[in-house]
Amino acid sequence: MAAAAREAPTAKTPPSVAPMSRREFLYYIWAASMALFLAETGGAILWFAVPRFKAGEFGGVFELDVTAVPAPDSDPVSYDAGRFWLVNIGQGDIDRQYSEHPQTQTDYPQTQGVKALYKICVHLGCLYKWVPTNHRFECPCHGSKYLPTGIRVDGPARRNLDVFIVQAVDANGSVLAQTEALAGNLEGSAVTLPSGTAKLRIDTGKRIVGEVNSKPGGGK
């Protein structure tokens, strides 16, 4: 009878859930936005921190044995994979430039050594060619002409050729000399190869833009 007298269990009422307030909703949206922003920022940092180009691939670093350097005053050597001409400027190249275009001696003084000239014409992006009979570069598209030193002397182009950063390194990989901006202008200097140079490093991801050069004959 005592068991019968017990009341049947009643169902429990589920706890009530208060609706999300506008303040809470905006807080969660803000937190999600911050998390997405931080993820994107971290991804961007990794993107720029991790090298994107392999060695020997345009945009990366090319290593050449010093024996690959052409003789001074000789025809430049084309490296299609790196999109550059390797030029060894000798005293003959400098004397010829100053003799045929006197104003360049003051406007664009040169030094002997190695340059890596970007193969793209600065006018409209065509591939210029080396013309041995004229001992200069000429663009077949619109007629711009450049000396072996990279100085523009004719045509619609309005600045000198761009150059890549060249480093002369020894057998241990230590940098002995590298391309620098010449005093008084933006031109990339030729690199004189010191004794002990074993290799050249041409960084096609680092380019010095040629200086403005708009007058006939290579004048400013």
C-alpha atoms as a PDB file:
ATOM      1  CA  MET A   1       0.000   0.000   0.000  1.00  0.00           C
ATOM      2  CA  ALA A   2       2.882   2.347   0.780  1.00  0.00           C
ATOM      3  CA  ALA A   3       4.239   1.766  -2.696  1.00  0.00           C
ATOM      4  CA  ALA A   4       0.844   2.448  -4.181  1.00  0.00           C
ATOM      5  CA  ALA A   5       0.628   5.648  -2.259  1.00  0.00           C
ATOM      6  CA  ARG A   6       3.729   6.968  -3.878  1.00  0.00           C
ATOM      7  CA  GLU A   7       3.112   9.635  -6.472  1.00  0.00           C
ATOM      8  CA  ALA A   8       4.065   8.926 -10.049  1.00  0.00           C
ATOM      9  CA  PRO A   9       7.250  10.777 -11.100  1.00  0.00           C
ATOM     10  CA  THR A  10       6.607  14.007 -12.932  1.00  0.00           C
ATOM     11  CA  ALA A  11       8.555  15.020 -16.087  1.00  0.00           C
ATOM     12  CA  LYS A  12      11.274  17.623 -15.500  1.00  0.00           C
ATOM     13  CA  THR A  13      10.797  20.942 -17.186  1.00  0.00           C
ATOM     14  CA  PRO A  14      13.798  21.740 -19.423  1.00  0.00           C
ATOM     15  CA  PRO A  15      15.706  24.837 -18.371  1.00  0.00           C
ATOM     16  CA  SER A  16      14.777  27.890 -20.319  1.00  0.00           C
ATOM     17  CA  VAL A  17      17.423  29.326 -22.684  1.00  0.00           C
ATOM     18  CA  ALA A  18      17.610  33.069 -22.947  1.00  0.00           C
ATOM     19  CA  PRO A  19      17.819  34.355 -26.536  1.00  0.00           C
ATOM     20  CA  MET A  20      21.210  35.776 -27.681  1.00  0.00           C
ATOM     21  CA  SER A  21      21.351  39.502 -27.202  1.00  0.00           C
ATOM     22  CA  ARG A  22      22.486  41.862 -29.944  1.00  0.00           C
ATOM     23  CA  ARG A  23      25.609  42.655 -27.920  1.00  0.00           C
ATOM     24  CA  GLU A  24      26.552  38.960 -27.701  1.00  0.00           C
ATOM     25  CA  PHE A  25      25.872  38.435 -31.398  1.00  0.00           C
ATOM     26  CA  LEU A  26      28.138  41.331 -32.349  1.00  0.00           C
ATOM     27  CA  TYR A  27      30.815  40.062 -29.966  1.00  0.00           C
ATOM     28  CA  TYR A  28      30.879  36.628 -31.623  1.00  0.00           C
ATOM     29  CA  ILE A  29      31.008  38.205 -35.077  1.00  0.00           C
ATOM     30  CA  TRP A  30      33.931  40.395 -33.967  1.00  0.00           C
ATOM     31  CA  ALA A  31      35.785  37.409 -32.488  1.00  0.00           C
ATOM     32  CA  ALA A  32      35.320  35.374 -35.672  1.00  0.00           C
ATOM     33  CA  SER A  33      36.511  38.300 -37.782  1.00  0.00           C
ATOM     34  CA  MET A  34      39.631  38.737 -35.640  1.00  0.00           C
ATOM     35  CA  ALA A  35      40.414  35.022 -35.887  1.00  0.00           C
ATOM     36  CA  LEU A  36      40.103  35.174 -39.683  1.00  0.00           C
ATOM     37  CA  PHE A  37      42.256  38.315 -39.847  1.00  0.00           C
ATOM     38  CA  LEU A  38      45.011  36.745 -37.736  1.00  0.00           C
ATOM     39  CA  ALA A  39      44.949  33.596 -39.875  1.00  0.00           C
ATOM     40  CA  GLU A  40      45.257  35.634 -43.063  1.00  0.00           C
ATOM     41  CA  THR A  41      48.044  37.759 -41.584  1.00  0.00           C
ATOM     42  CA  GLY A  42      49.980  34.683 -40.517  1.00  0.00           C
ATOM     43  CA  GLY A  43      49.532  33.195 -43.966  1.00  0.00           C
ATOM     44  CA  ALA A  44      50.804  36.378 -45.607  1.00  0.00           C
ATOM     45  CA  ILE A  45      53.889  36.432 -43.364  1.00  0.00           C
ATOM     46  CA  LEU A  46      54.674  32.839 -44.268  1.00  0.00           C
ATOM     47  CA  TRP A  47      54.102  33.611 -47.955  1.00  0.00           C
ATOM     48  CA  PHE A  48      56.713  36.364 -47.945  1.00  0.00           C
ATOM     49  CA  ALA A  49      59.108  34.627 -45.544  1.00  0.00           C
ATOM     50  CA  VAL A  50      59.358  31.344 -47.415  1.00  0.00           C
ATOM     51  CA  PRO A  51      61.326  31.516 -50.703  1.00  0.00           C
ATOM     52  CA  ARG A  52      58.952  31.117 -53.653  1.00  0.00           C
ATOM     53  CA  PHE A  53      61.572  30.572 -56.331  1.00  0.00           C
ATOM     54  CA  LYS A  54      64.040  27.762 -56.723  1.00  0.00           C
ATOM     55  CA  ALA A  55      67.708  28.372 -57.469  1.00  0.00           C
ATOM     56  CA  GLY A  56      68.217  28.624 -61.204  1.00  0.00           C
ATOM     57  CA  GLU A  57      64.618  29.743 -61.767  1.00  0.00           C
ATOM     58  CA  PHE A  58      63.692  33.255 -62.892  1.00  0.00           C
ATOM     59  CA  GLY A  59      62.891  35.276 -59.814  1.00  0.00           C
ATOM     60  CA  GLY A  60      65.497  33.338 -57.837  1.00  0.00           C
ATOM     61  CA  VAL A  61      69.287  33.174 -57.647  1.00  0.00           C
ATOM     62  CA  PHE A  62      71.530  31.897 -60.435  1.00  0.00           C
ATOM     63  CA  GLU A  63      75.043  30.684 -59.628  1.00  0.00           C
ATOM     64  CA  LEU A  64      77.638  30.719 -62.379  1.00  0.00           C
ATOM     65  CA  ASP A  65      81.220  29.547 -62.285  1.00  0.00           C
ATOM     66  CA  VAL A  66      83.646  32.419 -62.798  1.00  0.00           C
ATOM     67  CA  THR A  67      84.854  30.700 -65.975  1.00  0.00           C
ATOM     68  CA  ALA A  68      81.448  31.485 -67.539  1.00  0.00           C
ATOM     69  CA  VAL A  69      82.212  35.222 -67.506  1.00  0.00           C
ATOM     70  CA  PRO A  70      82.950  36.517 -71.023  1.00  0.00           C
ATOM     71  CA  ALA A  71      86.230  38.298 -71.688  1.00  0.00           C
ATOM     72  CA  PRO A  72      86.289  42.100 -71.278  1.00  0.00           C
ATOM     73  CA  ASP A  73      85.008  43.995 -74.346  1.00  0.00           C
ATOM     74  CA  SER A  74      83.713  40.751 -75.920  1.00  0.00           C
ATOM     75  CA  ASP A  75      80.159  39.884 -76.939  1.00  0.00           C
ATOM     76  CA  PRO A  76      77.793  39.407 -73.974  1.00  0.00           C
ATOM     77  CA  VAL A  77      76.414  35.983 -73.080  1.00  0.00           C
ATOM     78  CA  SER A  78      72.663  35.338 -73.029  1.00  0.00           C
ATOM     79  CA  TYR A  79      71.052  33.416 -70.145  1.00  0.00           C
ATOM     80  CA  ASP A  80      67.482  32.796 -71.264  1.00  0.00           C
ATOM     81  CA  ALA A  81      66.401  30.993 -68.073  1.00  0.00           C
ATOM     82  CA  GLY A  82      67.394  34.012 -65.993  1.00  0.00           C
ATOM     83  CA  ARG A  83      66.310  36.585 -68.568  1.00  0.00           C
ATOM     84  CA  PHE A  84      69.606  38.427 -68.460  1.00  0.00           C
ATOM     85  CA  TRP A  85      72.660  39.225 -70.553  1.00  0.00           C
ATOM     86  CA  LEU A  86      75.993  38.811 -68.780  1.00  0.00           C
ATOM     87  CA  VAL A  87      78.340  41.574 -69.912  1.00  0.00           C
ATOM     88  CA  ASN A  88      81.984  42.106 -69.013  1.00  0.00           C
ATOM     89  CA  ILE A  89      82.633  45.798 -69.553  1.00  0.00           C
ATOM     90  CA  GLY A  90      86.235  46.508 -70.443  1.00  0.00           C
ATOM     91  CA  GLN A  91      88.106  49.744 -70.961  1.00  0.00           C
ATOM     92  CA  GLY A  92      87.422  49.413 -74.695  1.00  0.00           C
ATOM     93  CA  ASP A  93      83.651  49.494 -74.092  1.00  0.00           C
ATOM     94  CA  ILE A  94      84.023  52.550 -71.882  1.00  0.00           C
ATOM     95  CA  ASP A  95      86.290  54.400 -74.346  1.00  0.00           C
ATOM     96  CA  ARG A  96      83.898  53.645 -77.207  1.00  0.00           C
ATOM     97  CA  GLN A  97      80.917  54.925 -75.206  1.00  0.00           C
ATOM     98  CA  TYR A  98      82.646  58.171 -74.238  1.00  0.00           C
ATOM     99  CA  SER A  99      83.972  58.701 -77.786  1.00  0.00           C
ATOM    100  CA  GLU A 100      80.675  58.111 -79.622  1.00  0.00           C
ATOM    101  CA  HIS A 101      78.443  59.666 -76.923  1.00  0.00           C
ATOM    102  CA  PRO A 102      80.548  62.251 -75.010  1.00  0.00           C
ATOM    103  CA  GLN A 103      77.701  63.452 -72.793  1.00  0.00           C
ATOM    104  CA  THR A 104      77.423  60.028 -71.168  1.00  0.00           C
ATOM    105  CA  GLN A 105      80.838  60.426 -69.567  1.00  0.00           C
ATOM    106  CA  THR A 106      79.310  62.984 -67.207  1.00  0.00           C
ATOM    107  CA  ASP A 107      75.725  61.749 -67.118  1.00  0.00           C
ATOM    108  CA  TYR A 108      76.391  57.995 -66.866  1.00  0.00           C
ATOM    109  CA  PRO A 109      80.001  57.315 -65.827  1.00  0.00           C
ATOM    110  CA  GLN A 110      81.072  53.699 -66.153  1.00  0.00           C
ATOM    111  CA  THR A 111      83.486  51.350 -64.422  1.00  0.00           C
ATOM    112  CA  GLN A 112      85.017  48.127 -65.671  1.00  0.00           C
ATOM    113  CA  GLY A 113      83.459  44.870 -64.535  1.00  0.00           C
ATOM    114  CA  VAL A 114      80.472  42.553 -64.855  1.00  0.00           C
ATOM    115  CA  LYS A 115      76.814  43.495 -65.263  1.00  0.00           C
ATOM    116  CA  ALA A 116      73.676  41.350 -65.589  1.00  0.00           C
ATOM    117  CA  LEU A 117      71.313  43.296 -67.839  1.00  0.00           C
ATOM    118  CA  TYR A 118      67.605  42.456 -67.719  1.00  0.00           C
ATOM    119  CA  LYS A 119      66.652  41.234 -71.206  1.00  0.00           C
ATOM    120  CA  ILE A 120      63.414  43.206 -71.380  1.00  0.00           C
ATOM    121  CA  CYS A 121      63.385  46.490 -73.313  1.00  0.00           C
ATOM    122  CA  VAL A 122      62.319  49.293 -71.001  1.00  0.00           C
ATOM    123  CA  HIS A 123      60.074  50.816 -73.673  1.00  0.00           C
ATOM    124  CA  LEU A 124      57.239  48.296 -74.088  1.00  0.00           C
ATOM    125  CA  GLY A 125      58.702  45.032 -72.850  1.00  0.00           C
ATOM    126  CA  CYS A 126      60.060  43.449 -76.040  1.00  0.00           C
ATOM    127  CA  LEU A 127      63.165  41.236 -76.046  1.00  0.00           C
ATOM    128  CA  TYR A 128      66.073  43.249 -77.399  1.00  0.00           C
ATOM    129  CA  LYS A 129      68.924  41.551 -79.286  1.00  0.00           C
ATOM    130  CA  TRP A 130      72.688  41.839 -79.389  1.00  0.00           C
ATOM    131  CA  VAL A 131      73.941  43.068 -82.781  1.00  0.00           C
ATOM    132  CA  PRO A 132      77.680  42.241 -83.056  1.00  0.00           C
ATOM    133  CA  THR A 133      78.282  44.378 -86.159  1.00  0.00           C
ATOM    134  CA  ASN A 134      77.121  47.475 -84.280  1.00  0.00           C
ATOM    135  CA  HIS A 135      78.463  46.289 -80.905  1.00  0.00           C
ATOM    136  CA  ARG A 136      75.251  47.214 -79.130  1.00  0.00           C
ATOM    137  CA  PHE A 137      71.789  45.959 -78.157  1.00  0.00           C
ATOM    138  CA  GLU A 138      68.863  46.781 -80.439  1.00  0.00           C
ATOM    139  CA  CYS A 139      65.154  46.226 -79.920  1.00  0.00           C
ATOM    140  CA  PRO A 140      63.450  44.789 -83.031  1.00  0.00           C
ATOM    141  CA  CYS A 141      60.014  46.074 -82.000  1.00  0.00           C
ATOM    142  CA  HIS A 142      60.469  49.853 -81.923  1.00  0.00           C
ATOM    143  CA  GLY A 143      64.164  50.512 -82.525  1.00  0.00           C
ATOM    144  CA  SER A 144      65.494  51.384 -79.071  1.00  0.00           C
ATOM    145  CA  LYS A 145      69.275  50.974 -78.875  1.00  0.00           C
ATOM    146  CA  TYR A 146      71.545  50.378 -75.888  1.00  0.00           C
ATOM    147  CA  LEU A 147      75.317  50.208 -75.413  1.00  0.00           C
ATOM    148  CA  PRO A 148      76.962  47.149 -73.792  1.00  0.00           C
ATOM    149  CA  THR A 149      77.004  49.173 -70.564  1.00  0.00           C
ATOM    150  CA  GLY A 150      73.188  49.309 -70.659  1.00  0.00           C
ATOM    151  CA  ILE A 151      73.023  53.001 -71.588  1.00  0.00           C
ATOM    152  CA  ARG A 152      70.158  53.933 -73.912  1.00  0.00           C
ATOM    153  CA  VAL A 153      71.376  55.952 -76.931  1.00  0.00           C
ATOM    154  CA  ASP A 154      68.467  55.907 -79.399  1.00  0.00           C
ATOM    155  CA  GLY A 155      64.810  55.073 -79.928  1.00  0.00           C
ATOM    156  CA  PRO A 156      61.588  55.610 -78.013  1.00  0.00           C
ATOM    157  CA  ALA A 157      62.912  54.145 -74.731  1.00  0.00           C
ATOM    158  CA  ARG A 158      63.326  56.834 -72.094  1.00  0.00           C
ATOM    159  CA  ARG A 159      65.661  55.209 -69.607  1.00  0.00           C
ATOM    160  CA  ASN A 160      68.652  52.901 -69.411  1.00  0.00           C
ATOM    161  CA  LEU A 161      68.387  49.135 -69.055  1.00  0.00           C
ATOM    162  CA  ASP A 162      67.577  47.585 -65.702  1.00  0.00           C
ATOM    163  CA  VAL A 163      70.254  45.461 -64.035  1.00  0.00           C
ATOM    164  CA  PHE A 164      70.123  42.558 -61.605  1.00  0.00           C
ATOM    165  CA  ILE A 165      72.183  42.394 -58.423  1.00  0.00           C
ATOM    166  CA  VAL A 166      75.454  40.504 -59.042  1.00  0.00           C
ATOM    167  CA  GLN A 167      77.630  39.169 -56.234  1.00  0.00           C
ATOM    168  CA  ALA A 168      81.194  37.898 -56.605  1.00  0.00           C
ATOM    169  CA  VAL A 169      81.750  35.116 -54.039  1.00  0.00           C
ATOM    170  CA  ASP A 170      84.723  32.995 -53.055  1.00  0.00           C
ATOM    171  CA  ALA A 171      84.906  29.212 -52.720  1.00  0.00           C
ATOM    172  CA  ASN A 172      83.400  29.423 -49.202  1.00  0.00           C
ATOM    173  CA  GLY A 173      80.434  31.486 -50.370  1.00  0.00           C
ATOM    174  CA  SER A 174      81.635  34.749 -48.824  1.00  0.00           C
ATOM    175  CA  VAL A 175      80.668  37.871 -50.787  1.00  0.00           C
ATOM    176  CA  LEU A 176      83.722  39.745 -52.081  1.00  0.00           C
ATOM    177  CA  ALA A 177      81.953  42.418 -54.149  1.00  0.00           C
ATOM    178  CA  GLN A 178      78.460  43.194 -55.427  1.00  0.00           C
ATOM    179  CA  THR A 179      76.394  45.558 -57.574  1.00  0.00           C
ATOM    180  CA  GLU A 180      75.928  48.947 -55.969  1.00  0.00           C
ATOM    181  CA  ALA A 181      74.102  52.113 -57.018  1.00  0.00           C
ATOM    182  CA  LEU A 182      76.638  54.522 -58.495  1.00  0.00           C
ATOM    183  CA  ALA A 183      77.104  57.842 -56.748  1.00  0.00           C
ATOM    184  CA  GLY A 184      74.860  60.576 -58.108  1.00  0.00           C
ATOM    185  CA  ASN A 185      72.416  58.378 -59.996  1.00  0.00           C
ATOM    186  CA  LEU A 186      70.441  55.156 -59.856  1.00  0.00           C
ATOM    187  CA  GLU A 187      72.584  53.121 -62.232  1.00  0.00           C
ATOM    188  CA  GLY A 188      73.761  49.727 -61.043  1.00  0.00           C
ATOM    189  CA  SER A 189      77.543  49.603 -61.084  1.00  0.00           C
ATOM    190  CA  ALA A 190      79.619  46.979 -62.852  1.00  0.00           C
ATOM    191  CA  VAL A 191      81.212  44.496 -60.446  1.00  0.00           C
ATOM    192  CA  THR A 192      84.984  44.192 -60.569  1.00  0.00           C
ATOM    193  CA  LEU A 193      85.871  40.578 -59.775  1.00  0.00           C
ATOM    194  CA  PRO A 194      88.409  40.486 -56.930  1.00  0.00           C
ATOM    195  CA  SER A 195      91.140  37.886 -56.698  1.00  0.00           C
ATOM    196  CA  GLY A 196      89.676  34.716 -55.226  1.00  0.00           C
ATOM    197  CA  THR A 197      86.303  35.012 -56.969  1.00  0.00           C
ATOM    198  CA  ALA A 198      84.993  31.504 -57.614  1.00  0.00           C
ATOM    199  CA  LYS A 199      81.378  32.118 -58.596  1.00  0.00           C
ATOM    200  CA  LEU A 200      78.870  34.767 -59.485  1.00  0.00           C
ATOM    201  CA  ARG A 201      75.439  34.975 -57.915  1.00  0.00           C
ATOM    202  CA  ILE A 202      72.832  36.780 -59.988  1.00  0.00           C
ATOM    203  CA  ASP A 203      69.700  37.519 -58.011  1.00  0.00           C
ATOM    204  CA  THR A 204      66.920  37.909 -60.580  1.00  0.00           C
ATOM    205  CA  GLY A 205      64.546  38.845 -57.785  1.00  0.00           C
ATOM    206  CA  LYS A 206      66.484  42.053 -57.117  1.00  0.00           C
ATOM    207  CA  ARG A 207      66.565  44.589 -59.929  1.00  0.00           C
ATOM    208  CA  ILE A 208      67.939  48.120 -60.080  1.00  0.00           C
ATOM    209  CA  VAL A 209      65.818  50.239 -62.418  1.00  0.00           C
ATOM    210  CA  GLY A 210      67.758  52.114 -65.090  1.00  0.00           C
ATOM    211  CA  GLU A 211      68.008  55.881 -64.751  1.00  0.00           C
ATOM    212  CA  VAL A 212      65.861  58.228 -66.821  1.00  0.00           C
ATOM    213  CA  ASN A 213      67.596  58.924 -70.139  1.00  0.00           C
ATOM    214  CA  SER A 214      65.480  60.757 -72.706  1.00  0.00           C
ATOM    215  CA  LYS A 215      67.745  62.882 -74.910  1.00  0.00           C
ATOM    216  CA  PRO A 216      69.304  61.731 -78.202  1.00  0.00           C
ATOM    217  CA  GLY A 217      72.683  60.129 -77.780  1.00  0.00           C
ATOM    218  CA  GLY A 218      72.152  59.077 -74.201  1.00  0.00           C
ATOM    219  CA  GLY A 219      71.777  62.444 -72.485  1.00  0.00           C
ATOM    220  CA  LYS A 220      69.576  63.241 -69.507  1.00  0.00           C
END
